[in-house]
Protein backbone atom coordinates (compact mmCIF):
# COMPACT_ATOMS: atom_id res chain seq x y z
CA MET A 1 7.41 8.29 0.27
CA ASP A 2 9.76 8.54 -2.72
CA TYR A 3 10.60 4.46 -2.85
CA ILE A 4 6.33 4.30 -2.76
CA ASN A 5 6.42 6.58 -5.48
CA ARG A 6 8.87 4.40 -7.63
CA LEU A 7 6.90 1.66 -7.38
CA SER A 8 3.28 3.31 -8.51
CA GLN A 9 2.22 2.82 -11.95
CA THR A 10 -1.29 3.19 -13.22
CA ASP A 11 -3.65 0.85 -13.72
CA GLN A 12 -6.13 0.42 -17.05
CA ASN A 13 -8.76 2.69 -15.49
CA GLY A 14 -5.89 5.82 -14.76
CA ALA A 15 -5.78 4.75 -11.01
CA LYS A 16 -2.77 5.10 -9.36
CA CYS A 17 -1.73 1.33 -7.34
CA VAL A 18 1.54 -0.34 -6.80
CA SER A 19 2.85 -3.75 -7.22
CA VAL A 20 5.25 -4.45 -4.86
CA HIS A 21 7.01 -7.99 -4.26
CA PHE A 22 8.43 -9.21 -1.45
CA PHE A 23 10.81 -12.26 -1.24
CA ARG A 24 9.47 -13.94 -3.89
CA THR A 25 5.69 -12.80 -3.22
CA GLN A 26 4.07 -10.47 -4.76
CA VAL A 27 1.52 -8.15 -2.96
CA GLN A 28 -1.68 -7.49 -4.57
CA PRO A 29 -1.91 -3.88 -6.40
CA LEU A 30 -2.52 -0.79 -3.74
CA SER A 31 -4.75 1.89 -4.19
CA GLY A 32 -3.92 5.12 -4.54
CA ARG A 33 -5.81 5.99 -0.89
CA GLU A 34 -3.93 3.09 0.39
CA LEU A 35 -0.58 4.25 -0.89
CA GLU A 36 -1.43 7.57 0.90
CA VAL A 37 -2.32 5.99 4.09
CA LEU A 38 0.84 3.57 3.90
CA LYS A 39 2.94 6.74 3.92
CA LEU A 40 1.36 8.13 6.79
CA VAL A 41 1.37 5.06 8.62
CA THR A 42 5.69 4.89 7.67
CA GLU A 43 5.59 8.43 9.03
CA GLY A 44 4.39 6.74 12.65
CA CYS A 45 1.05 8.38 12.42
CA SER A 46 -1.76 7.01 14.67
CA ASN A 47 -5.12 6.41 13.09
CA PRO A 48 -6.82 9.35 14.67
CA GLU A 49 -3.78 11.52 12.38
CA ILE A 50 -4.23 9.84 9.59
CA ALA A 51 -7.98 10.25 9.43
CA THR A 52 -7.28 13.92 10.05
CA ALA A 53 -5.01 14.42 7.78
CA LEU A 54 -7.22 12.56 5.15
CA HIS A 55 -10.44 13.99 5.72
CA VAL A 56 -11.90 10.90 6.68
CA SER A 57 -13.27 8.32 9.53
CA GLN A 58 -11.28 6.31 12.08
CA ASN A 59 -12.89 3.58 11.13
CA THR A 60 -12.00 3.96 7.23
CA ILE A 61 -8.78 4.00 8.17
CA LYS A 62 -9.17 0.86 9.79
CA THR A 63 -10.66 -0.14 7.33
CA HIS A 64 -7.63 0.43 4.84
CA VAL A 65 -4.81 -0.57 7.53
CA ARG A 66 -6.79 -3.93 7.69
CA ASN A 67 -6.45 -4.08 3.84
CA LEU A 68 -2.64 -3.27 3.78
CA MET A 69 -2.02 -5.90 6.37
CA ASN A 70 -4.02 -8.68 4.55
CA LYS A 71 -1.93 -7.46 1.22
CA PHE A 72 1.41 -8.14 2.65
CA GLY A 73 0.29 -11.29 4.35
CA VAL A 74 0.55 -9.83 8.05
CA ASP A 75 -1.24 -9.58 11.40
CA ARG A 76 0.13 -6.64 12.98
CA ARG A 77 1.10 -2.82 12.32
CA VAL A 78 5.03 -3.00 13.14
CA GLN A 79 5.23 -6.47 10.59
CA LEU A 80 3.54 -4.10 7.81
CA LEU A 81 6.10 -1.58 8.79
CA ALA A 82 8.97 -4.50 8.77
CA MET A 83 7.84 -5.46 5.62
CA VAL A 84 8.13 -1.55 3.88
CA ALA A 85 11.94 -1.24 5.61
CA MET A 86 12.64 -4.95 4.43
CA SER A 87 11.88 -3.67 0.88
CA ARG A 88 13.71 -0.71 1.31
CA GLY A 89 16.70 -2.71 2.17
CA GLN A 90 16.87 -0.56 5.68
CA ILE A 91 16.66 -4.08 7.46
CA LEU A 92 17.39 -7.43 6.32
CA PRO A 93 15.02 -10.68 7.22
CA ASP A 94 16.17 -13.05 9.56
CA ARG A 95 16.58 -16.55 8.30
CA SER A 96 17.92 -18.29 10.76
CA TYR A 97 14.26 -19.44 11.74
CA VAL A 98 14.32 -21.43 8.23
């Protein structure tokens, strides 16, 4: 979460958001709630666990995860985790396919 906190900014309405750059591609700003969900996803929590922790429905969490995947331009939860790991420098992208 430290990494995500370092990227956090406050928008004009005082809401916490984050603007992230991945390999020359800017990700749309993340809301405070999306940051909370992303943190829990990266910790390996399931949707039911995240829903319980944040006191919301599983459908709400599914919506947040889907929005995160859309913003990061990925189709699968594991790809979302890979994007976060790459942004942290924990893994390097494989450019051999390019």
